[in-house]
PDB file of N, CA and C in Angstrom:
ATOM      1  N   MET A   1     -68.527 234.427 -10.601  1.00  0.00           N
ATOM      2  CA  MET A   1     -68.399 232.982 -10.495  1.00  0.00           C
ATOM      3  C   MET A   1     -68.910 232.355 -11.781  1.00  0.00           C
ATOM      4  N   GLU A   2     -68.121 231.504 -12.341  1.00  0.00           N
ATOM      5  CA  GLU A   2     -68.457 230.879 -13.619  1.00  0.00           C
ATOM      6  C   GLU A   2     -69.070 229.500 -13.384  1.00  0.00           C
ATOM      7  N   LEU A   3     -70.183 229.226 -14.032  1.00  0.00           N
ATOM      8  CA  LEU A   3     -70.823 227.923 -13.929  1.00  0.00           C
ATOM      9  C   LEU A   3     -70.225 226.977 -14.956  1.00  0.00           C
ATOM     10  N   LEU A   4     -70.000 225.740 -14.544  1.00  0.00           N
ATOM     11  CA  LEU A   4     -69.431 224.738 -15.434  1.00  0.00           C
ATOM     12  C   LEU A   4     -70.512 223.771 -15.867  1.00  0.00           C
ATOM     13  N   SER A   5     -70.477 223.377 -17.107  1.00  0.00           N
ATOM     14  CA  SER A   5     -71.426 222.370 -17.570  1.00  0.00           C
ATOM     15  C   SER A   5     -70.946 220.995 -17.114  1.00  0.00           C
ATOM     16  N   LEU A   6     -71.768 219.983 -17.319  1.00  0.00           N
ATOM     17  CA  LEU A   6     -71.386 218.637 -16.905  1.00  0.00           C
ATOM     18  C   LEU A   6     -70.131 218.148 -17.612  1.00  0.00           C
ATOM     19  N   GLN A   7     -69.941 218.555 -18.853  1.00  0.00           N
ATOM     20  CA  GLN A   7     -68.772 218.119 -19.597  1.00  0.00           C
ATOM     21  C   GLN A   7     -67.506 218.823 -19.114  1.00  0.00           C
ATOM     22  N   ASP A   8     -67.625 220.023 -18.568  1.00  0.00           N
ATOM     23  CA  ASP A   8     -66.466 220.787 -18.149  1.00  0.00           C
ATOM     24  C   ASP A   8     -66.044 220.533 -16.711  1.00  0.00           C
ATOM     25  N   ARG A   9     -66.873 219.810 -15.951  1.00  0.00           N
ATOM     26  CA  ARG A   9     -66.531 219.569 -14.558  1.00  0.00           C
ATOM     27  C   ARG A   9     -65.396 218.575 -14.458  1.00  0.00           C
ATOM     28  N   PRO A  10     -64.520 218.758 -13.499  1.00  0.00           N
ATOM     29  CA  PRO A  10     -63.440 217.776 -13.328  1.00  0.00           C
ATOM     30  C   PRO A  10     -64.006 216.469 -12.782  1.00  0.00           C
ATOM     31  N   LEU A  11     -63.432 215.350 -13.209  1.00  0.00           N
ATOM     32  CA  LEU A  11     -63.871 214.048 -12.743  1.00  0.00           C
ATOM     33  C   LEU A  11     -63.321 213.793 -11.350  1.00  0.00           C
ATOM     34  N   THR A  12     -64.006 212.974 -10.588  1.00  0.00           N
ATOM     35  CA  THR A  12     -63.515 212.603  -9.268  1.00  0.00           C
ATOM     36  C   THR A  12     -62.372 211.618  -9.432  1.00  0.00           C
ATOM     37  N   ALA A  13     -61.590 211.459  -8.389  1.00  0.00           N
ATOM     38  CA  ALA A  13     -60.454 210.548  -8.444  1.00  0.00           C
ATOM     39  C   ALA A  13     -60.911 209.100  -8.564  1.00  0.00           C
ATOM     40  N   ASP A  14     -62.059 208.786  -7.991  1.00  0.00           N
ATOM     41  CA  ASP A  14     -62.577 207.427  -8.040  1.00  0.00           C
ATOM     42  C   ASP A  14     -63.673 207.350  -9.101  1.00  0.00           C
ATOM     43  N   PRO A  15     -63.462 206.617 -10.195  1.00  0.00           N
ATOM     44  CA  PRO A  15     -64.478 206.571 -11.262  1.00  0.00           C
ATOM     45  C   PRO A  15     -65.753 205.843 -10.845  1.00  0.00           C
ATOM     46  N   ARG A  16     -65.718 205.083  -9.733  1.00  0.00           N
ATOM     47  CA  ARG A  16     -66.917 204.380  -9.284  1.00  0.00           C
ATOM     48  C   ARG A  16     -67.892 205.298  -8.569  1.00  0.00           C
ATOM     49  N   VAL A  17     -67.437 206.476  -8.159  1.00  0.00           N
ATOM     50  CA  VAL A  17     -68.296 207.411  -7.447  1.00  0.00           C
ATOM     51  C   VAL A  17     -69.239 208.068  -8.434  1.00  0.00           C
ATOM     52  N   VAL A  18     -70.522 207.931  -8.163  1.00  0.00           N
ATOM     53  CA  VAL A  18     -71.536 208.515  -9.032  1.00  0.00           C
ATOM     54  C   VAL A  18     -72.316 209.531  -8.204  1.00  0.00           C
ATOM     55  N   GLU A  19     -72.377 210.745  -8.689  1.00  0.00           N
ATOM     56  CA  GLU A  19     -73.131 211.759  -7.983  1.00  0.00           C
ATOM     57  C   GLU A  19     -74.593 211.621  -8.360  1.00  0.00           C
ATOM     58  N   MET A  20     -75.413 211.355  -7.362  1.00  0.00           N
ATOM     59  CA  MET A  20     -76.835 211.163  -7.603  1.00  0.00           C
ATOM     60  C   MET A  20     -77.623 212.037  -6.651  1.00  0.00           C
ATOM     61  N   ALA A  21     -78.715 212.540  -7.151  1.00  0.00           N
ATOM     62  CA  ALA A  21     -79.631 213.268  -6.282  1.00  0.00           C
ATOM     63  C   ALA A  21     -80.603 212.263  -5.691  1.00  0.00           C
ATOM     64  N   GLY A  22     -81.053 212.519  -4.516  1.00  0.00           N
ATOM     65  CA  GLY A  22     -81.995 211.609  -3.881  1.00  0.00           C
ATOM     66  C   GLY A  22     -82.127 211.937  -2.418  1.00  0.00           C
ATOM     67  N   ARG A  23     -82.773 211.056  -1.726  1.00  0.00           N
ATOM     68  CA  ARG A  23     -82.981 211.256  -0.297  1.00  0.00           C
ATOM     69  C   ARG A  23     -81.741 210.862   0.480  1.00  0.00           C
ATOM     70  N   PRO A  24     -81.491 211.534   1.587  1.00  0.00           N
ATOM     71  CA  PRO A  24     -80.387 211.085   2.440  1.00  0.00           C
ATOM     72  C   PRO A  24     -80.756 209.785   3.143  1.00  0.00           C
ATOM     73  N   GLN A  25     -79.756 209.034   3.549  1.00  0.00           N
ATOM     74  CA  GLN A  25     -80.007 207.784   4.245  1.00  0.00           C
ATOM     75  C   GLN A  25     -80.656 208.056   5.595  1.00  0.00           C
ATOM     76  N   LEU A  26     -81.347 207.045   6.107  1.00  0.00           N
ATOM     77  CA  LEU A  26     -81.870 207.141   7.461  1.00  0.00           C
ATOM     78  C   LEU A  26     -80.698 207.173   8.434  1.00  0.00           C
ATOM     79  N   ARG A  27     -80.871 207.875   9.534  1.00  0.00           N
ATOM     80  CA  ARG A  27     -79.847 207.846  10.567  1.00  0.00           C
ATOM     81  C   ARG A  27     -79.882 206.493  11.255  1.00  0.00           C
ATOM     82  N   ILE A  28     -78.772 206.082  11.802  1.00  0.00           N
ATOM     83  CA  ILE A  28     -78.689 204.786  12.468  1.00  0.00           C
ATOM     84  C   ILE A  28     -79.627 204.772  13.661  1.00  0.00           C
ATOM     85  N   GLY A  29     -80.429 203.711  13.756  1.00  0.00           N
ATOM     86  CA  GLY A  29     -81.366 203.547  14.857  1.00  0.00           C
ATOM     87  C   GLY A  29     -82.705 204.230  14.654  1.00  0.00           C
ATOM     88  N   THR A  30     -82.979 204.711  13.433  1.00  0.00           N
ATOM     89  CA  THR A  30     -84.250 205.389  13.171  1.00  0.00           C
ATOM     90  C   THR A  30     -85.061 204.603  12.149  1.00  0.00           C
ATOM     91  N   HIS A  31     -86.347 204.937  12.083  1.00  0.00           N
ATOM     92  CA  HIS A  31     -87.224 204.278  11.115  1.00  0.00           C
ATOM     93  C   HIS A  31     -87.795 205.303  10.153  1.00  0.00           C
ATOM     94  N   GLY A  32     -88.259 204.817   9.027  1.00  0.00           N
ATOM     95  CA  GLY A  32     -88.886 205.667   8.027  1.00  0.00           C
ATOM     96  C   GLY A  32     -90.381 205.752   8.259  1.00  0.00           C
ATOM     97  N   LYS A  33     -91.098 206.119   7.221  1.00  0.00           N
ATOM     98  CA  LYS A  33     -92.546 206.263   7.318  1.00  0.00           C
ATOM     99  C   LYS A  33     -93.196 204.895   7.513  1.00  0.00           C
ATOM    100  N   ILE A  34     -94.126 204.831   8.437  1.00  0.00           N
ATOM    101  CA  ILE A  34     -94.853 203.592   8.698  1.00  0.00           C
ATOM    102  C   ILE A  34     -96.099 203.577   7.819  1.00  0.00           C
ATOM    103  N   LYS A  35     -96.202 202.562   6.980  1.00  0.00           N
ATOM    104  CA  LYS A  35     -97.377 202.402   6.127  1.00  0.00           C
ATOM    105  C   LYS A  35     -98.365 201.493   6.838  1.00  0.00           C
ATOM    106  N   ARG A  36     -99.618 201.630   6.495  1.00  0.00           N
ATOM    107  CA  ARG A  36    -100.642 200.739   7.034  1.00  0.00           C
ATOM    108  C   ARG A  36    -101.398 200.139   5.863  1.00  0.00           C
ATOM    109  N   ILE A  37    -101.391 198.823   5.776  1.00  0.00           N
ATOM    110  CA  ILE A  37    -102.016 198.113   4.667  1.00  0.00           C
ATOM    111  C   ILE A  37    -103.081 197.189   5.236  1.00  0.00           C
ATOM    112  N   TYR A  38    -104.310 197.362   4.781  1.00  0.00           N
ATOM    113  CA  TYR A  38    -105.412 196.532   5.260  1.00  0.00           C
ATOM    114  C   TYR A  38    -105.334 195.165   4.601  1.00  0.00           C
ATOM    115  N   GLN A  39    -105.322 194.109   5.411  1.00  0.00           N
ATOM    116  CA  GLN A  39    -105.216 192.744   4.912  1.00  0.00           C
ATOM    117  C   GLN A  39    -106.572 192.051   4.789  1.00  0.00           C
ATOM    118  N   GLY A  40    -107.596 192.654   5.367  1.00  0.00           N
ATOM    119  CA  GLY A  40    -108.927 192.034   5.349  1.00  0.00           C
ATOM    120  C   GLY A  40    -109.225 191.369   6.685  1.00  0.00           C
ATOM    121  N   GLY A  41    -110.494 191.261   7.004  1.00  0.00           N
ATOM    122  CA  GLY A  41    -110.893 190.612   8.250  1.00  0.00           C
ATOM    123  C   GLY A  41    -110.493 191.378   9.496  1.00  0.00           C
ATOM    124  N   GLY A  42    -110.312 192.691   9.383  1.00  0.00           N
ATOM    125  CA  GLY A  42    -109.919 193.501  10.533  1.00  0.00           C
ATOM    126  C   GLY A  42    -108.435 193.451  10.851  1.00  0.00           C
ATOM    127  N   VAL A  43    -107.613 192.857   9.984  1.00  0.00           N
ATOM    128  CA  VAL A  43    -106.173 192.718  10.216  1.00  0.00           C
ATOM    129  C   VAL A  43    -105.422 193.763   9.393  1.00  0.00           C
ATOM    130  N   TRP A  44    -104.460 194.449  10.032  1.00  0.00           N
ATOM    131  CA  TRP A  44    -103.646 195.463   9.374  1.00  0.00           C
ATOM    132  C   TRP A  44    -102.182 195.059   9.433  1.00  0.00           C
ATOM    133  N   LEU A  45    -101.440 195.395   8.377  1.00  0.00           N
ATOM    134  CA  LEU A  45     -99.997 195.180   8.306  1.00  0.00           C
ATOM    135  C   LEU A  45     -99.334 196.548   8.315  1.00  0.00           C
ATOM    136  N   ALA A  46     -98.309 196.718   9.155  1.00  0.00           N
ATOM    137  CA  ALA A  46     -97.622 198.006   9.261  1.00  0.00           C
ATOM    138  C   ALA A  46     -96.133 197.822   8.970  1.00  0.00           C
ATOM    139  N   PRO A  47     -95.704 197.945   7.684  1.00  0.00           N
ATOM    140  CA  PRO A  47     -94.279 197.833   7.368  1.00  0.00           C
ATOM    141  C   PRO A  47     -93.593 199.203   7.378  1.00  0.00           C
ATOM    142  N   CYS A  48     -92.290 199.194   7.637  1.00  0.00           N
ATOM    143  CA  CYS A  48     -91.482 200.412   7.520  1.00  0.00           C
ATOM    144  C   CYS A  48     -90.022 200.013   7.347  1.00  0.00           C
ATOM    145  N   ARG A  49     -89.206 200.971   6.959  1.00  0.00           N
ATOM    146  CA  ARG A  49     -87.763 200.747   6.843  1.00  0.00           C
ATOM    147  C   ARG A  49     -87.107 201.155   8.155  1.00  0.00           C
ATOM    148  N   TYR A  50     -86.122 200.379   8.591  1.00  0.00           N
ATOM    149  CA  TYR A  50     -85.403 200.649   9.829  1.00  0.00           C
ATOM    150  C   TYR A  50     -83.916 200.485   9.559  1.00  0.00           C
ATOM    151  N   ARG A  51     -83.123 201.487   9.938  1.00  0.00           N
ATOM    152  CA  ARG A  51     -81.677 201.384   9.775  1.00  0.00           C
ATOM    153  C   ARG A  51     -81.087 200.915  11.090  1.00  0.00           C
ATOM    154  N   ASP A  52     -80.587 199.696  11.072  1.00  0.00           N
ATOM    155  CA  ASP A  52     -80.087 199.036  12.269  1.00  0.00           C
ATOM    156  C   ASP A  52     -78.731 199.611  12.683  1.00  0.00           C
ATOM    157  N   THR A  53     -78.253 199.198  13.855  1.00  0.00           N
ATOM    158  CA  THR A  53     -76.993 199.725  14.379  1.00  0.00           C
ATOM    159  C   THR A  53     -75.783 199.287  13.562  1.00  0.00           C
ATOM    160  N   ASP A  54     -75.942 198.269  12.701  1.00  0.00           N
ATOM    161  CA  ASP A  54     -74.834 197.876  11.828  1.00  0.00           C
ATOM    162  C   ASP A  54     -74.832 198.646  10.512  1.00  0.00           C
ATOM    163  N   GLY A  55     -75.775 199.588  10.342  1.00  0.00           N
ATOM    164  CA  GLY A  55     -75.809 200.436   9.161  1.00  0.00           C
ATOM    165  C   GLY A  55     -76.631 199.894   8.010  1.00  0.00           C
ATOM    166  N   VAL A  56     -77.226 198.716   8.165  1.00  0.00           N
ATOM    167  CA  VAL A  56     -78.020 198.094   7.104  1.00  0.00           C
ATOM    168  C   VAL A  56     -79.489 198.495   7.289  1.00  0.00           C
ATOM    169  N   THR A  57     -80.112 198.947   6.201  1.00  0.00           N
ATOM    170  CA  THR A  57     -81.523 199.308   6.248  1.00  0.00           C
ATOM    171  C   THR A  57     -82.354 198.082   5.913  1.00  0.00           C
ATOM    172  N   ARG A  58     -83.275 197.756   6.813  1.00  0.00           N
ATOM    173  CA  ARG A  58     -84.112 196.580   6.646  1.00  0.00           C
ATOM    174  C   ARG A  58     -85.582 196.988   6.656  1.00  0.00           C
ATOM    175  N   ILE A  59     -86.414 196.162   6.028  1.00  0.00           N
ATOM    176  CA  ILE A  59     -87.852 196.377   6.095  1.00  0.00           C
ATOM    177  C   ILE A  59     -88.376 195.501   7.219  1.00  0.00           C
ATOM    178  N   ILE A  60     -88.993 196.143   8.202  1.00  0.00           N
ATOM    179  CA  ILE A  60     -89.591 195.406   9.303  1.00  0.00           C
ATOM    180  C   ILE A  60     -91.094 195.607   9.238  1.00  0.00           C
ATOM    181  N   GLN A  61     -91.853 194.715   9.831  1.00  0.00           N
ATOM    182  CA  GLN A  61     -93.310 194.831   9.770  1.00  0.00           C
ATOM    183  C   GLN A  61     -93.948 194.254  11.016  1.00  0.00           C
ATOM    184  N   LYS A  62     -95.118 194.742  11.308  1.00  0.00           N
ATOM    185  CA  LYS A  62     -95.900 194.289  12.449  1.00  0.00           C
ATOM    186  C   LYS A  62     -97.302 194.022  11.942  1.00  0.00           C
ATOM    187  N   LEU A  63     -97.853 192.902  12.363  1.00  0.00           N
ATOM    188  CA  LEU A  63     -99.209 192.536  11.997  1.00  0.00           C
ATOM    189  C   LEU A  63    -100.107 192.835  13.182  1.00  0.00           C
ATOM    190  N   GLY A  64    -101.136 193.662  12.945  1.00  0.00           N
ATOM    191  CA  GLY A  64    -102.041 194.052  14.012  1.00  0.00           C
ATOM    192  C   GLY A  64    -103.047 192.971  14.321  1.00  0.00           C
ATOM    193  N   PRO A  65    -103.658 193.061  15.499  1.00  0.00           N
ATOM    194  CA  PRO A  65    -104.649 192.050  15.874  1.00  0.00           C
ATOM    195  C   PRO A  65    -105.925 192.185  15.047  1.00  0.00           C
ATOM    196  N   ALA A  66    -106.625 191.075  14.869  1.00  0.00           N
ATOM    197  CA  ALA A  66    -107.905 191.097  14.149  1.00  0.00           C
ATOM    198  C   ALA A  66    -108.943 191.754  15.051  1.00  0.00           C
ATOM    199  N   ASP A  67    -109.396 192.931  14.674  1.00  0.00           N
ATOM    200  CA  ASP A  67    -110.327 193.676  15.517  1.00  0.00           C
ATOM    201  C   ASP A  67    -111.133 194.611  14.632  1.00  0.00           C
ATOM    202  N   GLU A  68    -112.429 194.542  14.738  1.00  0.00           N
ATOM    203  CA  GLU A  68    -113.271 195.432  13.940  1.00  0.00           C
ATOM    204  C   GLU A  68    -113.239 196.859  14.465  1.00  0.00           C
ATOM    205  N   TYR A  69    -112.846 197.040  15.725  1.00  0.00           N
ATOM    206  CA  TYR A  69    -112.780 198.377  16.312  1.00  0.00           C
ATOM    207  C   TYR A  69    -111.664 199.209  15.679  1.00  0.00           C
ATOM    208  N   ASP A  70    -110.567 198.543  15.307  1.00  0.00           N
ATOM    209  CA  ASP A  70    -109.415 199.232  14.729  1.00  0.00           C
ATOM    210  C   ASP A  70    -109.647 199.481  13.239  1.00  0.00           C
ATOM    211  N   LYS A  71    -110.305 200.594  12.915  1.00  0.00           N
ATOM    212  CA  LYS A  71    -110.703 200.873  11.537  1.00  0.00           C
ATOM    213  C   LYS A  71    -109.570 201.435  10.688  1.00  0.00           C
ATOM    214  N   TYR A  72    -108.501 201.963  11.294  1.00  0.00           N
ATOM    215  CA  TYR A  72    -107.463 202.622  10.538  1.00  0.00           C
ATOM    216  C   TYR A  72    -106.080 202.020  10.749  1.00  0.00           C
ATOM    217  N   GLY A  73    -105.978 200.916  11.436  1.00  0.00           N
ATOM    218  CA  GLY A  73    -104.698 200.231  11.600  1.00  0.00           C
ATOM    219  C   GLY A  73    -103.794 200.832  12.648  1.00  0.00           C
ATOM    220  N   LYS A  74    -104.341 201.576  13.603  1.00  0.00           N
ATOM    221  CA  LYS A  74    -103.513 202.238  14.603  1.00  0.00           C
ATOM    222  C   LYS A  74    -102.907 201.262  15.604  1.00  0.00           C
ATOM    223  N   LEU A  75    -103.544 200.111  15.799  1.00  0.00           N
ATOM    224  CA  LEU A  75    -103.022 199.142  16.762  1.00  0.00           C
ATOM    225  C   LEU A  75    -101.866 198.333  16.201  1.00  0.00           C
ATOM    226  N   ALA A  76    -101.691 198.334  14.893  1.00  0.00           N
ATOM    227  CA  ALA A  76    -100.570 197.607  14.291  1.00  0.00           C
ATOM    228  C   ALA A  76     -99.327 198.372  14.578  1.00  0.00           C
TER     229      ALA A  76
END
């Protein structure tokens, strides 16, 4: 099997198609990693990416209650 360099590879039919390495998209109806950001005063913010049923990935967030007991943002 012969390996082709980038210059020797055949071009795709659509010039707008760009082959990129990266992460695969989220599946529809799933969320990404939930981050926890301390806002001060016992309040935590928990944002994450969510791919909605229409296929659009949105950033959603939840603000946790002000509580000194919640030291790591688990209630957010």
